[in-house]
Amino acid sequence: MKLRPISLERLLLPLVIYTLVALILVWPLPLHLNSHAAGAGYADTYTYIRASWAAKEALLHGHNPLDQTLLAYPDGFTSRLLWASPLRWIPGTLLMFVFPPLLAMNLWLIMTLVLNGTAAYWLGLELSDYHRFAALLGGLVFMAFPNMQGHLSVGHIEILAVYGLPLFALCLWRILYREAGWRTAAWGSLCLALACLGIVSQIIFNALPLTVFWGLYLLLADRDRLWRRDLRLRDQPWLKVAGMFAGGGAILLVFWGPLLTSAGRVEIETLHETG
């Protein structure tokens, strides 16, 4: 089955709608983007702002952004766990080269909400056979359901970064049900990595359940979707899915590999909740 092209309207419509919704969700923050941090008074927003700002300053001086000398002066520390959660700080760091730290982080928080809704909208279009209203409603629910608003209220930008998950599901769906090719599998590898790089636990609570339950359904009730007798080996859906997971795993290894070293294990073992 031929995939439908991405039209300009399909790209712009959800961005406009979900931007308006995101501004409503964080209101009255849009009136104070450069003077107030998103979230309640006990939110973690300033923690992320400090980490992104320290990384930016390190880059400006030609230093390793993972060496947190400005946050633990004078000796500092090297955070491998920070590298394992790049969606927590890298986007904010890049925006801070253009905007003040507080404004940059508030903008990225709003943009994260918009990306969540837009990614779910694209998945909804595919699942609903391109019914625009159903897709818009699905994206709205995904970006604004109570659990997401709870994390929004305390500035958990790394937990809010789930836009990779609907896109990963979309790539899987297109390979299994739309006969998409290896280009979709490559995009799926990237989306799988994005779905897990907000915080390490996302692979357990987000990517793993989707993979396990969908995989069990295919193996028990719809194996013809995985193995097509009329296709060559290189065109088999199961091989493309396996390649998608292999590519995503390789990307994740780049970020998570340092945690497997002795220094990385020590850093994890010393983590604890205050009090």
Protein backbone atom coordinates (compact mmCIF):
# COMPACT_ATOMS: atom_id res chain seq x y z
CA MET A 1 0.00 0.00 0.00
CA LYS A 2 1.33 3.40 -0.96
CA LEU A 3 1.90 5.83 1.92
CA ARG A 4 0.20 9.20 1.70
CA PRO A 5 2.53 12.21 1.37
CA ILE A 6 2.88 14.73 4.18
CA SER A 7 1.05 17.91 3.14
CA LEU A 8 1.79 21.40 4.41
CA GLU A 9 -1.64 21.53 6.04
CA ARG A 10 -0.97 18.25 7.83
CA LEU A 11 2.21 19.74 9.26
CA LEU A 12 0.90 23.17 10.25
CA LEU A 13 -2.62 22.41 11.53
CA PRO A 14 -1.60 20.40 14.62
CA LEU A 15 1.26 22.79 15.41
CA VAL A 16 -1.10 25.77 15.53
CA ILE A 17 -3.82 23.99 17.54
CA TYR A 18 -1.50 22.33 20.04
CA THR A 19 0.51 25.51 20.55
CA LEU A 20 -2.70 27.27 21.58
CA VAL A 21 -3.60 24.37 23.87
CA ALA A 22 -0.11 24.34 25.42
CA LEU A 23 -0.33 28.06 26.16
CA ILE A 24 -3.65 27.49 27.91
CA LEU A 25 -2.24 24.59 29.93
CA VAL A 26 0.63 26.70 31.29
CA TRP A 27 -1.33 29.97 31.66
CA PRO A 28 -0.41 32.58 32.91
CA LEU A 29 3.20 31.57 32.20
CA PRO A 30 3.13 33.03 28.64
CA LEU A 31 2.85 36.49 30.23
CA HIS A 32 5.97 35.89 32.36
CA LEU A 33 8.27 33.72 30.24
CA ASN A 34 11.41 35.63 31.25
CA SER A 35 10.57 36.20 34.90
CA HIS A 36 8.88 33.04 36.24
CA ALA A 37 9.70 29.34 35.95
CA ALA A 38 7.09 26.83 34.85
CA GLY A 39 5.55 24.72 37.59
CA ALA A 40 4.70 25.16 41.24
CA GLY A 41 7.07 26.68 43.76
CA TYR A 42 8.50 23.27 44.64
CA ALA A 43 9.07 22.30 40.97
CA ASP A 44 12.35 20.95 39.60
CA THR A 45 12.49 23.54 36.84
CA TYR A 46 15.41 25.48 38.29
CA THR A 47 17.40 22.25 38.65
CA TYR A 48 17.14 21.68 34.90
CA ILE A 49 17.86 25.33 34.17
CA ARG A 50 21.06 25.15 36.19
CA ALA A 51 22.19 21.96 34.46
CA SER A 52 21.54 23.37 30.98
CA TRP A 53 23.18 26.69 31.85
CA ALA A 54 26.27 24.94 33.27
CA ALA A 55 26.55 22.83 30.10
CA LYS A 56 26.28 25.94 27.93
CA GLU A 57 29.00 27.73 29.89
CA ALA A 58 31.25 24.68 29.65
CA LEU A 59 30.80 24.54 25.88
CA LEU A 60 31.54 28.27 25.55
CA HIS A 61 34.86 27.72 27.33
CA GLY A 62 35.75 24.56 25.40
CA HIS A 63 35.10 22.18 28.30
CA ASN A 64 33.19 18.92 28.59
CA PRO A 65 29.53 19.86 29.32
CA LEU A 66 29.23 16.76 31.52
CA ASP A 67 31.90 18.12 33.88
CA GLN A 68 29.73 20.02 36.34
CA THR A 69 32.37 22.29 37.88
CA LEU A 70 29.99 25.26 38.12
CA LEU A 71 27.43 23.28 40.12
CA ALA A 72 29.87 21.69 42.57
CA TYR A 73 32.66 24.25 42.80
CA PRO A 74 35.63 23.93 42.98
CA ASP A 75 36.12 20.22 42.22
CA GLY A 76 32.90 19.49 40.39
CA PHE A 77 31.85 16.08 39.13
CA THR A 78 31.33 14.27 35.83
CA SER A 79 27.73 13.17 35.35
CA ARG A 80 27.31 10.13 33.12
CA LEU A 81 23.67 9.98 34.15
CA LEU A 82 23.20 13.44 32.64
CA TRP A 83 24.52 12.11 29.31
CA ALA A 84 22.05 9.21 29.57
CA SER A 85 19.11 11.67 29.64
CA PRO A 86 19.94 14.16 26.85
CA LEU A 87 16.36 15.35 26.33
CA ARG A 88 16.49 16.73 29.87
CA TRP A 89 19.14 19.34 29.09
CA ILE A 90 20.51 19.41 25.50
CA PRO A 91 17.50 21.23 23.89
CA GLY A 92 17.48 23.80 26.68
CA THR A 93 21.25 24.25 26.40
CA LEU A 94 20.99 24.93 22.67
CA LEU A 95 18.18 27.45 23.18
CA MET A 96 20.28 29.24 25.81
CA PHE A 97 22.74 30.25 23.11
CA VAL A 98 19.91 32.46 21.78
CA PHE A 99 17.67 33.21 24.78
CA PRO A 100 18.22 33.87 28.51
CA PRO A 101 18.23 30.66 30.59
CA LEU A 102 14.76 31.06 32.14
CA LEU A 103 13.13 32.00 28.85
CA ALA A 104 14.88 29.17 27.01
CA MET A 105 13.65 26.53 29.45
CA ASN A 106 10.09 27.83 29.48
CA LEU A 107 10.04 27.81 25.68
CA TRP A 108 11.36 24.26 25.54
CA LEU A 109 8.74 23.08 28.04
CA ILE A 110 5.96 24.52 25.87
CA MET A 111 7.55 23.11 22.73
CA THR A 112 7.69 19.67 24.37
CA LEU A 113 3.94 19.73 24.93
CA VAL A 114 3.37 20.74 21.32
CA LEU A 115 5.65 17.96 20.05
CA ASN A 116 3.78 15.40 22.15
CA GLY A 117 0.43 16.40 20.71
CA THR A 118 1.73 16.61 17.15
CA ALA A 119 3.40 13.20 17.27
CA ALA A 120 0.22 11.61 18.62
CA TYR A 121 -1.76 13.42 15.88
CA TRP A 122 0.35 11.82 13.14
CA LEU A 123 -0.18 8.39 14.70
CA GLY A 124 -3.88 9.11 15.02
CA LEU A 125 -4.13 10.00 11.34
CA GLU A 126 -2.69 6.61 10.44
CA LEU A 127 -4.83 4.61 12.85
CA SER A 128 -8.07 6.42 11.94
CA ASP A 129 -7.56 6.21 8.17
CA TYR A 130 -6.83 9.94 8.03
CA HIS A 131 -9.84 11.24 9.96
CA ARG A 132 -8.49 14.62 11.00
CA PHE A 133 -10.85 15.32 13.91
CA ALA A 134 -10.19 11.93 15.52
CA ALA A 135 -6.44 12.47 15.16
CA LEU A 136 -6.64 15.96 16.67
CA LEU A 137 -8.65 14.65 19.61
CA GLY A 138 -6.17 11.83 20.18
CA GLY A 139 -3.26 14.24 20.15
CA LEU A 140 -5.06 16.52 22.59
CA VAL A 141 -5.68 13.65 25.03
CA PHE A 142 -2.07 12.49 24.75
CA MET A 143 -0.58 15.92 25.49
CA ALA A 144 -3.00 16.96 28.24
CA PHE A 145 -4.14 13.90 30.18
CA PRO A 146 -3.90 14.32 33.98
CA ASN A 147 -0.63 12.44 34.48
CA MET A 148 1.10 14.73 31.99
CA GLN A 149 -0.34 17.81 33.68
CA GLY A 150 0.90 16.51 37.02
CA HIS A 151 4.47 16.32 35.74
CA LEU A 152 4.00 19.69 34.04
CA SER A 153 3.07 21.24 37.38
CA VAL A 154 6.47 20.26 38.82
CA GLY A 155 8.52 20.95 35.70
CA HIS A 156 9.51 17.34 34.92
CA ILE A 157 10.56 18.09 31.37
CA GLU A 158 12.40 14.78 30.98
CA ILE A 159 9.26 12.75 31.80
CA LEU A 160 7.15 14.95 29.53
CA ALA A 161 9.47 14.17 26.59
CA VAL A 162 7.42 11.29 25.14
CA TYR A 163 7.01 12.51 21.57
CA GLY A 164 9.25 9.72 20.32
CA LEU A 165 6.82 7.01 21.47
CA PRO A 166 3.89 7.73 19.07
CA LEU A 167 6.38 8.14 16.21
CA PHE A 168 7.99 4.81 17.07
CA ALA A 169 4.53 3.18 17.08
CA LEU A 170 3.76 4.88 13.76
CA CYS A 171 6.87 3.42 12.14
CA LEU A 172 6.02 -0.05 13.47
CA TRP A 173 2.46 0.26 12.17
CA ARG A 174 3.58 1.33 8.73
CA ILE A 175 6.02 -1.54 8.43
CA LEU A 176 3.51 -4.16 9.61
CA TYR A 177 0.33 -2.85 8.00
CA ARG A 178 1.41 -0.49 5.19
CA GLU A 179 4.38 -2.41 3.75
CA ALA A 180 6.75 0.47 4.43
CA GLY A 181 10.42 0.00 3.59
CA TRP A 182 13.81 0.28 5.21
CA ARG A 183 13.70 4.08 5.30
CA THR A 184 10.77 3.85 7.73
CA ALA A 185 12.74 1.29 9.76
CA ALA A 186 15.64 3.76 9.98
CA TRP A 187 13.32 6.51 11.20
CA GLY A 188 11.84 4.01 13.64
CA SER A 189 15.29 3.40 15.13
CA LEU A 190 15.69 7.11 15.80
CA CYS A 191 12.18 7.39 17.24
CA LEU A 192 12.76 4.39 19.52
CA ALA A 193 15.86 6.11 20.90
CA LEU A 194 13.95 9.39 21.35
CA ALA A 195 11.23 7.52 23.24
CA CYS A 196 13.82 6.42 25.82
CA LEU A 197 16.21 9.37 26.14
CA GLY A 198 14.13 11.66 28.33
CA ILE A 199 14.82 9.56 31.41
CA VAL A 200 16.28 6.06 31.63
CA SER A 201 13.12 4.51 33.08
CA GLN A 202 11.11 5.37 29.95
CA ILE A 203 12.34 2.20 28.25
CA ILE A 204 10.62 0.18 31.02
CA PHE A 205 7.39 2.14 31.40
CA ASN A 206 6.83 3.28 27.78
CA ALA A 207 8.74 1.41 25.08
CA LEU A 208 8.76 -2.03 26.69
CA PRO A 209 4.98 -2.42 27.27
CA LEU A 210 4.23 -1.28 23.72
CA THR A 211 6.75 -3.75 22.29
CA VAL A 212 5.81 -6.72 24.49
CA PHE A 213 2.02 -6.53 24.15
CA TRP A 214 2.05 -5.74 20.44
CA GLY A 215 4.63 -8.47 19.87
CA LEU A 216 2.57 -11.03 21.78
CA TYR A 217 -0.51 -10.14 19.76
CA LEU A 218 1.36 -10.61 16.50
CA LEU A 219 2.89 -13.92 17.55
CA LEU A 220 -0.36 -15.36 18.90
CA ALA A 221 -2.98 -13.96 16.53
CA ASP A 222 -1.47 -12.23 13.49
CA ARG A 223 1.82 -13.89 12.53
CA ASP A 224 1.20 -13.23 8.82
CA ARG A 225 2.02 -9.58 9.51
CA LEU A 226 5.54 -10.56 10.53
CA TRP A 227 6.29 -13.20 7.90
CA ARG A 228 5.06 -12.78 4.32
CA ARG A 229 5.54 -15.79 2.08
CA ASP A 230 5.29 -13.69 -1.06
CA LEU A 231 8.24 -11.44 -0.13
CA ARG A 232 11.99 -11.85 -0.33
CA LEU A 233 13.99 -12.11 2.87
CA ARG A 234 15.22 -8.50 2.74
CA ASP A 235 11.62 -7.28 2.42
CA GLN A 236 10.21 -9.30 5.30
CA PRO A 237 8.46 -7.16 7.96
CA TRP A 238 10.08 -9.08 10.85
CA LEU A 239 13.54 -8.29 9.48
CA LYS A 240 12.74 -4.57 9.21
CA VAL A 241 11.39 -4.57 12.77
CA ALA A 242 14.51 -6.36 13.99
CA GLY A 243 16.66 -3.81 12.15
CA MET A 244 14.66 -1.01 13.78
CA PHE A 245 15.35 -2.36 17.25
CA ALA A 246 19.01 -2.98 16.44
CA GLY A 247 19.45 0.59 15.19
CA GLY A 248 17.61 2.06 18.17
CA GLY A 249 19.66 -0.06 20.54
CA ALA A 250 22.90 1.14 18.94
CA ILE A 251 21.86 4.78 19.45
CA LEU A 252 20.88 4.11 23.06
CA LEU A 253 24.21 2.39 23.69
CA VAL A 254 26.01 5.62 22.81
CA PHE A 255 24.17 7.42 25.61
CA TRP A 256 23.75 4.61 28.13
CA GLY A 257 27.07 2.85 27.62
CA PRO A 258 28.96 5.08 30.11
CA LEU A 259 26.55 3.97 32.84
CA LEU A 260 27.82 0.41 32.40
CA THR A 261 31.37 1.39 33.33
CA SER A 262 32.62 1.14 36.91
CA ALA A 263 32.43 4.94 37.31
CA GLY A 264 28.90 4.95 35.94
CA ARG A 265 27.77 2.25 38.37
CA VAL A 266 29.27 4.18 41.26
CA GLU A 267 27.34 7.29 40.24
CA ILE A 268 24.07 5.36 40.13
CA GLU A 269 24.69 3.60 43.42
CA THR A 270 25.29 6.91 45.24
CA LEU A 271 21.94 8.36 44.14
CA HIS A 272 19.34 8.69 46.89
CA GLU A 273 16.33 10.81 47.78
CA THR A 274 16.99 13.66 50.20
CA GLY A 275 15.55 12.76 53.60
